[in-house]
Amino acid sequence: MFDRLARLPGHVWNWDDRLAGPTLAEGAARVTGAVCGGLDQWRTLPEAGSEAAVAQAEDALNQTGGRGLIVAPGCVLMTNTPDANVAAVVKALGGPLKPIPGLKPG
């Protein structure tokens, strides 16, 4: 199914690369736009520590060389994802943490 959809025009491609595949590197080689994913929204983000989330973000960068990549969950950010895990990924990627009401950056 991915190959069939990859032939369509698109600017950004998002799929569950950690669970369903293909990998970000394989997907990036098959689409013309950017790829969006790299973070496991089902297990790593809600259940593992922030170190595991950062490791997946770094792996996504390595797979793509950091070009044409939006680091994000493969599908959605689950509501039970700890704020600290999201904040750790943002920090690891060099992004600033802005005060957001209700966010506990850890």
PDB file of N, CA and C in Angstrom:
ATOM      1  N   MET A   1       0.822  -1.189   0.000  1.00  0.00           N
ATOM      2  CA  MET A   1       0.000   0.000   0.000  1.00  0.00           C
ATOM      3  C   MET A   1       0.870   1.259   0.000  1.00  0.00           C
ATOM      4  N   PHE A   2       2.000   1.224   0.736  1.00  0.00           N
ATOM      5  CA  PHE A   2       2.854   2.406   0.802  1.00  0.00           C
ATOM      6  C   PHE A   2       3.350   2.789  -0.586  1.00  0.00           C
ATOM      7  N   ASP A   3       3.808   1.814  -1.370  1.00  0.00           N
ATOM      8  CA  ASP A   3       4.306   2.115  -2.711  1.00  0.00           C
ATOM      9  C   ASP A   3       3.226   2.741  -3.583  1.00  0.00           C
ATOM     10  N   ARG A   4       2.020   2.250  -3.450  1.00  0.00           N
ATOM     11  CA  ARG A   4       0.904   2.804  -4.235  1.00  0.00           C
ATOM     12  C   ARG A   4       0.651   4.262  -3.851  1.00  0.00           C
ATOM     13  N   LEU A   5       0.606   4.541  -2.570  1.00  0.00           N
ATOM     14  CA  LEU A   5       0.365   5.905  -2.114  1.00  0.00           C
ATOM     15  C   LEU A   5       1.552   6.821  -2.385  1.00  0.00           C
ATOM     16  N   ALA A   6       2.761   6.289  -2.334  1.00  0.00           N
ATOM     17  CA  ALA A   6       3.968   7.097  -2.540  1.00  0.00           C
ATOM     18  C   ALA A   6       4.040   7.682  -3.942  1.00  0.00           C
ATOM     19  N   ARG A   7       3.317   7.120  -4.868  1.00  0.00           N
ATOM     20  CA  ARG A   7       3.312   7.655  -6.232  1.00  0.00           C
ATOM     21  C   ARG A   7       2.440   8.901  -6.366  1.00  0.00           C
ATOM     22  N   LEU A   8       1.608   9.163  -5.367  1.00  0.00           N
ATOM     23  CA  LEU A   8       0.751  10.346  -5.402  1.00  0.00           C
ATOM     24  C   LEU A   8       1.565  11.588  -5.060  1.00  0.00           C
ATOM     25  N   PRO A   9       1.140  12.755  -5.546  1.00  0.00           N
ATOM     26  CA  PRO A   9       1.868  13.978  -5.180  1.00  0.00           C
ATOM     27  C   PRO A   9       1.587  14.337  -3.723  1.00  0.00           C
ATOM     28  N   GLY A  10       2.607  14.769  -3.033  1.00  0.00           N
ATOM     29  CA  GLY A  10       2.449  15.177  -1.637  1.00  0.00           C
ATOM     30  C   GLY A  10       3.664  15.943  -1.164  1.00  0.00           C
ATOM     31  N   HIS A  11       3.453  16.813  -0.203  1.00  0.00           N
ATOM     32  CA  HIS A  11       4.558  17.595   0.347  1.00  0.00           C
ATOM     33  C   HIS A  11       5.160  16.936   1.581  1.00  0.00           C
ATOM     34  N   VAL A  12       4.310  16.263   2.374  1.00  0.00           N
ATOM     35  CA  VAL A  12       4.761  15.604   3.598  1.00  0.00           C
ATOM     36  C   VAL A  12       4.051  14.263   3.706  1.00  0.00           C
ATOM     37  N   TRP A  13       4.830  13.231   4.058  1.00  0.00           N
ATOM     38  CA  TRP A  13       4.302  11.875   4.204  1.00  0.00           C
ATOM     39  C   TRP A  13       4.438  11.434   5.644  1.00  0.00           C
ATOM     40  N   ASN A  14       3.332  11.021   6.258  1.00  0.00           N
ATOM     41  CA  ASN A  14       3.312  10.566   7.638  1.00  0.00           C
ATOM     42  C   ASN A  14       2.695   9.176   7.696  1.00  0.00           C
ATOM     43  N   TRP A  15       3.383   8.250   8.360  1.00  0.00           N
ATOM     44  CA  TRP A  15       2.876   6.892   8.550  1.00  0.00           C
ATOM     45  C   TRP A  15       3.515   6.338   9.813  1.00  0.00           C
ATOM     46  N   ASP A  16       3.038   5.221  10.257  1.00  0.00           N
ATOM     47  CA  ASP A  16       3.548   4.612  11.474  1.00  0.00           C
ATOM     48  C   ASP A  16       4.814   3.822  11.156  1.00  0.00           C
ATOM     49  N   ASP A  17       5.919   4.548  10.975  1.00  0.00           N
ATOM     50  CA  ASP A  17       7.183   3.918  10.552  1.00  0.00           C
ATOM     51  C   ASP A  17       7.750   2.975  11.600  1.00  0.00           C
ATOM     52  N   ARG A  18       7.497   3.199  12.866  1.00  0.00           N
ATOM     53  CA  ARG A  18       8.058   2.344  13.921  1.00  0.00           C
ATOM     54  C   ARG A  18       7.307   1.020  14.049  1.00  0.00           C
ATOM     55  N   LEU A  19       6.024   1.006  13.735  1.00  0.00           N
ATOM     56  CA  LEU A  19       5.238  -0.207  13.904  1.00  0.00           C
ATOM     57  C   LEU A  19       4.960  -0.916  12.579  1.00  0.00           C
ATOM     58  N   ALA A  20       4.534  -0.160  11.574  1.00  0.00           N
ATOM     59  CA  ALA A  20       4.090  -0.774  10.318  1.00  0.00           C
ATOM     60  C   ALA A  20       5.160  -0.777   9.233  1.00  0.00           C
ATOM     61  N   GLY A  21       6.085   0.177   9.277  1.00  0.00           N
ATOM     62  CA  GLY A  21       7.086   0.290   8.225  1.00  0.00           C
ATOM     63  C   GLY A  21       6.497   0.908   6.977  1.00  0.00           C
ATOM     64  N   PRO A  22       7.308   1.242   6.028  1.00  0.00           N
ATOM     65  CA  PRO A  22       8.766   1.104   5.991  1.00  0.00           C
ATOM     66  C   PRO A  22       9.456   2.067   6.964  1.00  0.00           C
ATOM     67  N   THR A  23      10.763   1.905   7.107  1.00  0.00           N
ATOM     68  CA  THR A  23      11.526   2.825   7.951  1.00  0.00           C
ATOM     69  C   THR A  23      11.484   4.210   7.325  1.00  0.00           C
ATOM     70  N   LEU A  24      11.868   5.212   8.088  1.00  0.00           N
ATOM     71  CA  LEU A  24      11.929   6.569   7.535  1.00  0.00           C
ATOM     72  C   LEU A  24      12.889   6.643   6.354  1.00  0.00           C
ATOM     73  N   ALA A  25      14.036   5.983   6.478  1.00  0.00           N
ATOM     74  CA  ALA A  25      15.023   6.002   5.390  1.00  0.00           C
ATOM     75  C   ALA A  25      14.447   5.381   4.129  1.00  0.00           C
ATOM     76  N   GLU A  26      13.772   4.237   4.273  1.00  0.00           N
ATOM     77  CA  GLU A  26      13.170   3.577   3.111  1.00  0.00           C
ATOM     78  C   GLU A  26      12.047   4.425   2.520  1.00  0.00           C
ATOM     79  N   GLY A  27      11.231   5.001   3.381  1.00  0.00           N
ATOM     80  CA  GLY A  27      10.131   5.841   2.912  1.00  0.00           C
ATOM     81  C   GLY A  27      10.634   7.083   2.207  1.00  0.00           C
ATOM     82  N   ALA A  28      11.657   7.720   2.774  1.00  0.00           N
ATOM     83  CA  ALA A  28      12.208   8.936   2.170  1.00  0.00           C
ATOM     84  C   ALA A  28      12.747   8.671   0.770  1.00  0.00           C
ATOM     85  N   ALA A  29      13.237   7.476   0.549  1.00  0.00           N
ATOM     86  CA  ALA A  29      13.765   7.122  -0.773  1.00  0.00           C
ATOM     87  C   ALA A  29      12.647   6.896  -1.789  1.00  0.00           C
ATOM     88  N   ARG A  30      11.420   6.721  -1.312  1.00  0.00           N
ATOM     89  CA  ARG A  30      10.315   6.392  -2.206  1.00  0.00           C
ATOM     90  C   ARG A  30       9.306   7.511  -2.409  1.00  0.00           C
ATOM     91  N   VAL A  31       9.422   8.627  -1.689  1.00  0.00           N
ATOM     92  CA  VAL A  31       8.476   9.731  -1.844  1.00  0.00           C
ATOM     93  C   VAL A  31       9.213  10.987  -2.296  1.00  0.00           C
ATOM     94  N   THR A  32       8.469  11.919  -2.864  1.00  0.00           N
ATOM     95  CA  THR A  32       9.085  13.155  -3.332  1.00  0.00           C
ATOM     96  C   THR A  32       9.084  14.243  -2.272  1.00  0.00           C
ATOM     97  N   GLY A  33       8.229  14.149  -1.268  1.00  0.00           N
ATOM     98  CA  GLY A  33       8.148  15.174  -0.231  1.00  0.00           C
ATOM     99  C   GLY A  33       8.939  14.796   1.006  1.00  0.00           C
ATOM    100  N   ALA A  34       8.694  15.543   2.057  1.00  0.00           N
ATOM    101  CA  ALA A  34       9.329  15.279   3.346  1.00  0.00           C
ATOM    102  C   ALA A  34       8.664  14.081   4.020  1.00  0.00           C
ATOM    103  N   VAL A  35       9.358  13.511   4.986  1.00  0.00           N
ATOM    104  CA  VAL A  35       8.794  12.423   5.788  1.00  0.00           C
ATOM    105  C   VAL A  35       8.551  12.948   7.203  1.00  0.00           C
ATOM    106  N   CYS A  36       7.517  12.408   7.832  1.00  0.00           N
ATOM    107  CA  CYS A  36       7.108  12.848   9.156  1.00  0.00           C
ATOM    108  C   CYS A  36       6.901  11.615  10.024  1.00  0.00           C
ATOM    109  N   GLY A  37       7.674  11.486  11.080  1.00  0.00           N
ATOM    110  CA  GLY A  37       7.535  10.328  11.961  1.00  0.00           C
ATOM    111  C   GLY A  37       8.781  10.134  12.788  1.00  0.00           C
ATOM    112  N   GLY A  38       9.060   8.890  13.116  1.00  0.00           N
ATOM    113  CA  GLY A  38      10.264   8.546  13.868  1.00  0.00           C
ATOM    114  C   GLY A  38      10.022   8.225  15.324  1.00  0.00           C
ATOM    115  N   LEU A  39       8.863   8.632  15.869  1.00  0.00           N
ATOM    116  CA  LEU A  39       8.584   8.391  17.275  1.00  0.00           C
ATOM    117  C   LEU A  39       7.444   7.384  17.415  1.00  0.00           C
ATOM    118  N   ASP A  40       7.640   6.387  18.255  1.00  0.00           N
ATOM    119  CA  ASP A  40       6.630   5.354  18.498  1.00  0.00           C
ATOM    120  C   ASP A  40       5.596   5.884  19.482  1.00  0.00           C
ATOM    121  N   GLN A  41       4.418   6.219  18.972  1.00  0.00           N
ATOM    122  CA  GLN A  41       3.376   6.801  19.807  1.00  0.00           C
ATOM    123  C   GLN A  41       2.678   5.785  20.698  1.00  0.00           C
ATOM    124  N   TRP A  42       2.809   4.486  20.409  1.00  0.00           N
ATOM    125  CA  TRP A  42       2.093   3.457  21.159  1.00  0.00           C
ATOM    126  C   TRP A  42       2.852   2.968  22.377  1.00  0.00           C
ATOM    127  N   ARG A  43       4.194   2.858  22.269  1.00  0.00           N
ATOM    128  CA  ARG A  43       4.970   2.306  23.374  1.00  0.00           C
ATOM    129  C   ARG A  43       5.992   3.305  23.918  1.00  0.00           C
ATOM    130  N   THR A  44       6.880   3.762  23.082  1.00  0.00           N
ATOM    131  CA  THR A  44       7.989   4.575  23.578  1.00  0.00           C
ATOM    132  C   THR A  44       7.522   5.879  24.215  1.00  0.00           C
ATOM    133  N   LEU A  45       6.746   6.678  23.507  1.00  0.00           N
ATOM    134  CA  LEU A  45       6.362   7.978  24.064  1.00  0.00           C
ATOM    135  C   LEU A  45       5.536   7.867  25.342  1.00  0.00           C
ATOM    136  N   PRO A  46       4.492   7.038  25.394  1.00  0.00           N
ATOM    137  CA  PRO A  46       3.708   7.001  26.632  1.00  0.00           C
ATOM    138  C   PRO A  46       4.292   6.124  27.741  1.00  0.00           C
ATOM    139  N   GLU A  47       5.116   5.132  27.399  1.00  0.00           N
ATOM    140  CA  GLU A  47       5.523   4.146  28.399  1.00  0.00           C
ATOM    141  C   GLU A  47       7.000   4.164  28.772  1.00  0.00           C
ATOM    142  N   ALA A  48       7.866   4.535  27.860  1.00  0.00           N
ATOM    143  CA  ALA A  48       9.308   4.515  28.138  1.00  0.00           C
ATOM    144  C   ALA A  48       9.741   5.875  28.685  1.00  0.00           C
ATOM    145  N   GLY A  49      10.954   5.939  29.144  1.00  0.00           N
ATOM    146  CA  GLY A  49      11.487   7.193  29.660  1.00  0.00           C
ATOM    147  C   GLY A  49      11.862   8.156  28.545  1.00  0.00           C
ATOM    148  N   SER A  50      12.181   9.361  28.939  1.00  0.00           N
ATOM    149  CA  SER A  50      12.529  10.384  27.957  1.00  0.00           C
ATOM    150  C   SER A  50      13.799  10.027  27.188  1.00  0.00           C
ATOM    151  N   GLU A  51      14.704   9.230  27.798  1.00  0.00           N
ATOM    152  CA  GLU A  51      15.923   8.829  27.097  1.00  0.00           C
ATOM    153  C   GLU A  51      15.581   7.992  25.862  1.00  0.00           C
ATOM    154  N   ALA A  52      14.594   7.122  25.970  1.00  0.00           N
ATOM    155  CA  ALA A  52      14.187   6.293  24.830  1.00  0.00           C
ATOM    156  C   ALA A  52      13.544   7.142  23.743  1.00  0.00           C
ATOM    157  N   ALA A  53      12.773   8.138  24.137  1.00  0.00           N
ATOM    158  CA  ALA A  53      12.149   9.025  23.162  1.00  0.00           C
ATOM    159  C   ALA A  53      13.213   9.832  22.415  1.00  0.00           C
ATOM    160  N   VAL A  54      14.190  10.334  23.148  1.00  0.00           N
ATOM    161  CA  VAL A  54      15.290  11.080  22.528  1.00  0.00           C
ATOM    162  C   VAL A  54      16.082  10.167  21.597  1.00  0.00           C
ATOM    163  N   ALA A  55      16.306   8.925  21.990  1.00  0.00           N
ATOM    164  CA  ALA A  55      17.046   7.983  21.137  1.00  0.00           C
ATOM    165  C   ALA A  55      16.309   7.763  19.819  1.00  0.00           C
ATOM    166  N   GLN A  56      14.982   7.678  19.856  1.00  0.00           N
ATOM    167  CA  GLN A  56      14.236   7.515  18.606  1.00  0.00           C
ATOM    168  C   GLN A  56      14.326   8.767  17.745  1.00  0.00           C
ATOM    169  N   ALA A  57      14.289   9.943  18.350  1.00  0.00           N
ATOM    170  CA  ALA A  57      14.429  11.189  17.591  1.00  0.00           C
ATOM    171  C   ALA A  57      15.802  11.243  16.915  1.00  0.00           C
ATOM    172  N   GLU A  58      16.834  10.866  17.648  1.00  0.00           N
ATOM    173  CA  GLU A  58      18.188  10.853  17.082  1.00  0.00           C
ATOM    174  C   GLU A  58      18.309   9.825  15.961  1.00  0.00           C
ATOM    175  N   ASP A  59      17.654   8.676  16.114  1.00  0.00           N
ATOM    176  CA  ASP A  59      17.650   7.664  15.058  1.00  0.00           C
ATOM    177  C   ASP A  59      16.964   8.201  13.805  1.00  0.00           C
ATOM    178  N   ALA A  60      15.873   8.924  13.984  1.00  0.00           N
ATOM    179  CA  ALA A  60      15.172   9.520  12.836  1.00  0.00           C
ATOM    180  C   ALA A  60      16.092  10.496  12.094  1.00  0.00           C
ATOM    181  N   LEU A  61      16.831  11.296  12.852  1.00  0.00           N
ATOM    182  CA  LEU A  61      17.796  12.218  12.233  1.00  0.00           C
ATOM    183  C   LEU A  61      18.867  11.452  11.463  1.00  0.00           C
ATOM    184  N   ASN A  62      19.363  10.386  12.062  1.00  0.00           N
ATOM    185  CA  ASN A  62      20.395   9.575  11.401  1.00  0.00           C
ATOM    186  C   ASN A  62      19.870   8.915  10.131  1.00  0.00           C
ATOM    187  N   GLN A  63      18.634   8.443  10.164  1.00  0.00           N
ATOM    188  CA  GLN A  63      18.067   7.779   8.987  1.00  0.00           C
ATOM    189  C   GLN A  63      17.917   8.721   7.803  1.00  0.00           C
ATOM    190  N   THR A  64      17.670   9.980   8.074  1.00  0.00           N
ATOM    191  CA  THR A  64      17.381  10.945   7.001  1.00  0.00           C
ATOM    192  C   THR A  64      18.470  11.985   6.801  1.00  0.00           C
ATOM    193  N   GLY A  65      19.480  11.966   7.634  1.00  0.00           N
ATOM    194  CA  GLY A  65      20.489  13.014   7.576  1.00  0.00           C
ATOM    195  C   GLY A  65      19.925  14.354   8.019  1.00  0.00           C
ATOM    196  N   GLY A  66      18.727  14.319   8.637  1.00  0.00           N
ATOM    197  CA  GLY A  66      18.105  15.548   9.120  1.00  0.00           C
ATOM    198  C   GLY A  66      17.470  16.401   8.044  1.00  0.00           C
ATOM    199  N   ARG A  67      17.476  15.931   6.812  1.00  0.00           N
ATOM    200  CA  ARG A  67      16.894  16.715   5.706  1.00  0.00           C
ATOM    201  C   ARG A  67      15.555  16.113   5.304  1.00  0.00           C
ATOM    202  N   GLY A  68      14.575  16.983   5.088  1.00  0.00           N
ATOM    203  CA  GLY A  68      13.266  16.507   4.682  1.00  0.00           C
ATOM    204  C   GLY A  68      12.575  15.705   5.764  1.00  0.00           C
ATOM    205  N   LEU A  69      12.795  16.083   7.015  1.00  0.00           N
ATOM    206  CA  LEU A  69      12.273  15.321   8.149  1.00  0.00           C
ATOM    207  C   LEU A  69      11.509  16.228   9.098  1.00  0.00           C
ATOM    208  N   ILE A  70      10.341  15.764   9.504  1.00  0.00           N
ATOM    209  CA  ILE A  70       9.599  16.353  10.615  1.00  0.00           C
ATOM    210  C   ILE A  70       9.527  15.257  11.669  1.00  0.00           C
ATOM    211  N   VAL A  71      10.173  15.461  12.811  1.00  0.00           N
ATOM    212  CA  VAL A  71      10.151  14.462  13.875  1.00  0.00           C
ATOM    213  C   VAL A  71       8.807  14.568  14.585  1.00  0.00           C
ATOM    214  N   ALA A  72       8.083  13.457  14.595  1.00  0.00           N
ATOM    215  CA  ALA A  72       6.743  13.427  15.174  1.00  0.00           C
ATOM    216  C   ALA A  72       6.350  11.981  15.431  1.00  0.00           C
ATOM    217  N   PRO A  73       5.262  11.773  16.166  1.00  0.00           N
ATOM    218  CA  PRO A  73       4.745  10.410  16.276  1.00  0.00           C
ATOM    219  C   PRO A  73       4.338   9.914  14.892  1.00  0.00           C
ATOM    220  N   GLY A  74       4.389   8.598  14.717  1.00  0.00           N
ATOM    221  CA  GLY A  74       4.009   8.036  13.433  1.00  0.00           C
ATOM    222  C   GLY A  74       2.561   8.288  13.080  1.00  0.00           C
ATOM    223  N   CYS A  75       1.731   8.546  14.053  1.00  0.00           N
ATOM    224  CA  CYS A  75       0.314   8.784  13.783  1.00  0.00           C
ATOM    225  C   CYS A  75      -0.171   9.961  14.612  1.00  0.00           C
ATOM    226  N   VAL A  76      -0.413   9.740  15.884  1.00  0.00           N
ATOM    227  CA  VAL A  76      -0.913  10.791  16.767  1.00  0.00           C
ATOM    228  C   VAL A  76      -0.134  10.766  18.083  1.00  0.00           C
ATOM    229  N   LEU A  77      -0.208  11.840  18.816  1.00  0.00           N
ATOM    230  CA  LEU A  77       0.382  11.878  20.151  1.00  0.00           C
ATOM    231  C   LEU A  77      -0.702  11.427  21.126  1.00  0.00           C
ATOM    232  N   MET A  78      -0.480  10.294  21.768  1.00  0.00           N
ATOM    233  CA  MET A  78      -1.468   9.738  22.691  1.00  0.00           C
ATOM    234  C   MET A  78      -1.651  10.663  23.901  1.00  0.00           C
ATOM    235  N   THR A  79      -2.869  10.745  24.395  1.00  0.00           N
ATOM    236  CA  THR A  79      -3.161  11.660  25.500  1.00  0.00           C
ATOM    237  C   THR A  79      -2.446  11.283  26.789  1.00  0.00           C
ATOM    238  N   ASN A  80      -2.013  10.038  26.925  1.00  0.00           N
ATOM    239  CA  ASN A  80      -1.307   9.620  28.142  1.00  0.00           C
ATOM    240  C   ASN A  80       0.211   9.749  28.019  1.00  0.00           C
ATOM    241  N   THR A  81       0.688  10.450  27.002  1.00  0.00           N
ATOM    242  CA  THR A  81       2.129  10.658  26.834  1.00  0.00           C
ATOM    243  C   THR A  81       2.623  11.669  27.866  1.00  0.00           C
ATOM    244  N   PRO A  82       3.623  11.309  28.664  1.00  0.00           N
ATOM    245  CA  PRO A  82       4.143  12.257  29.658  1.00  0.00           C
ATOM    246  C   PRO A  82       4.733  13.508  28.996  1.00  0.00           C
ATOM    247  N   ASP A  83       4.404  14.658  29.561  1.00  0.00           N
ATOM    248  CA  ASP A  83       4.940  15.923  29.056  1.00  0.00           C
ATOM    249  C   ASP A  83       6.461  15.908  29.024  1.00  0.00           C
ATOM    250  N   ALA A  84       7.083  15.261  30.025  1.00  0.00           N
ATOM    251  CA  ALA A  84       8.544  15.235  30.102  1.00  0.00           C
ATOM    252  C   ALA A  84       9.163  14.544  28.890  1.00  0.00           C
ATOM    253  N   ASN A  85       8.506  13.522  28.338  1.00  0.00           N
ATOM    254  CA  ASN A  85       9.043  12.831  27.163  1.00  0.00           C
ATOM    255  C   ASN A  85       9.000  13.743  25.935  1.00  0.00           C
ATOM    256  N   VAL A  86       7.913  14.456  25.769  1.00  0.00           N
ATOM    257  CA  VAL A  86       7.799  15.384  24.636  1.00  0.00           C
ATOM    258  C   VAL A  86       8.806  16.518  24.794  1.00  0.00           C
ATOM    259  N   ALA A  87       8.913  17.061  26.003  1.00  0.00           N
ATOM    260  CA  ALA A  87       9.860  18.150  26.256  1.00  0.00           C
ATOM    261  C   ALA A  87      11.297  17.702  26.004  1.00  0.00           C
ATOM    262  N   ALA A  88      11.636  16.476  26.369  1.00  0.00           N
ATOM    263  CA  ALA A  88      12.998  15.969  26.158  1.00  0.00           C
ATOM    264  C   ALA A  88      13.315  15.886  24.669  1.00  0.00           C
ATOM    265  N   VAL A  89      12.364  15.451  23.857  1.00  0.00           N
ATOM    266  CA  VAL A  89      12.585  15.383  22.405  1.00  0.00           C
ATOM    267  C   VAL A  89      12.777  16.789  21.845  1.00  0.00           C
ATOM    268  N   VAL A  90      11.934  17.727  22.248  1.00  0.00           N
ATOM    269  CA  VAL A  90      12.059  19.112  21.773  1.00  0.00           C
ATOM    270  C   VAL A  90      13.434  19.673  22.127  1.00  0.00           C
ATOM    271  N   LYS A  91      13.864  19.482  23.370  1.00  0.00           N
ATOM    272  CA  LYS A  91      15.183  19.965  23.798  1.00  0.00           C
ATOM    273  C   LYS A  91      16.303  19.298  23.014  1.00  0.00           C
ATOM    274  N   ALA A  92      16.209  17.980  22.825  1.00  0.00           N
ATOM    275  CA  ALA A  92      17.267  17.241  22.120  1.00  0.00           C
ATOM    276  C   ALA A  92      17.410  17.698  20.679  1.00  0.00           C
ATOM    277  N   LEU A  93      16.321  18.156  20.088  1.00  0.00           N
ATOM    278  CA  LEU A  93      16.358  18.622  18.702  1.00  0.00           C
ATOM    279  C   LEU A  93      16.700  20.102  18.593  1.00  0.00           C
ATOM    280  N   GLY A  94      16.992  20.734  19.735  1.00  0.00           N
ATOM    281  CA  GLY A  94      17.426  22.131  19.734  1.00  0.00           C
ATOM    282  C   GLY A  94      16.301  23.132  19.793  1.00  0.00           C
ATOM    283  N   GLY A  95      15.098  22.662  20.035  1.00  0.00           N
ATOM    284  CA  GLY A  95      13.962  23.578  20.089  1.00  0.00           C
ATOM    285  C   GLY A  95      13.797  24.204  21.453  1.00  0.00           C
ATOM    286  N   PRO A  96      13.287  25.422  21.495  1.00  0.00           N
ATOM    287  CA  PRO A  96      13.044  26.061  22.787  1.00  0.00           C
ATOM    288  C   PRO A  96      11.725  25.567  23.377  1.00  0.00           C
ATOM    289  N   LEU A  97      11.684  25.498  24.681  1.00  0.00           N
ATOM    290  CA  LEU A  97      10.435  25.174  25.358  1.00  0.00           C
ATOM    291  C   LEU A  97       9.774  26.481  25.757  1.00  0.00           C
ATOM    292  N   LYS A  98       8.625  26.725  25.206  1.00  0.00           N
ATOM    293  CA  LYS A  98       7.868  27.922  25.539  1.00  0.00           C
ATOM    294  C   LYS A  98       6.885  27.566  26.640  1.00  0.00           C
ATOM    295  N   PRO A  99       6.646  28.495  27.556  1.00  0.00           N
ATOM    296  CA  PRO A  99       5.666  28.203  28.612  1.00  0.00           C
ATOM    297  C   PRO A  99       4.287  27.951  27.997  1.00  0.00           C
ATOM    298  N   ILE A 100       3.749  26.796  28.299  1.00  0.00           N
ATOM    299  CA  ILE A 100       2.417  26.440  27.824  1.00  0.00           C
ATOM    300  C   ILE A 100       1.604  26.088  29.069  1.00  0.00           C
ATOM    301  N   PRO A 101       0.473  26.746  29.269  1.00  0.00           N
ATOM    302  CA  PRO A 101      -0.333  26.430  30.454  1.00  0.00           C
ATOM    303  C   PRO A 101      -0.650  24.943  30.523  1.00  0.00           C
ATOM    304  N   GLY A 102      -0.362  24.342  31.661  1.00  0.00           N
ATOM    305  CA  GLY A 102      -0.644  22.935  31.867  1.00  0.00           C
ATOM    306  C   GLY A 102       0.499  22.002  31.503  1.00  0.00           C
ATOM    307  N   LEU A 103       1.518  22.471  30.766  1.00  0.00           N
ATOM    308  CA  LEU A 103       2.640  21.630  30.370  1.00  0.00           C
ATOM    309  C   LEU A 103       3.644  21.540  31.506  1.00  0.00           C
ATOM    310  N   LYS A 104       4.036  20.324  31.838  1.00  0.00           N
ATOM    311  CA  LYS A 104       5.042  20.095  32.865  1.00  0.00           C
ATOM    312  C   LYS A 104       6.293  19.564  32.178  1.00  0.00           C
ATOM    313  N   PRO A 105       7.227  20.443  31.775  1.00  0.00           N
ATOM    314  CA  PRO A 105       8.381  19.996  30.990  1.00  0.00           C
ATOM    315  C   PRO A 105       9.364  19.103  31.722  1.00  0.00           C
ATOM    316  N   GLY A 106       9.291  18.986  33.011  1.00  0.00           N
ATOM    317  CA  GLY A 106      10.135  18.064  33.762  1.00  0.00           C
ATOM    318  C   GLY A 106      11.530  18.450  33.937  1.00  0.00           C
TER     319      GLY A 106
END
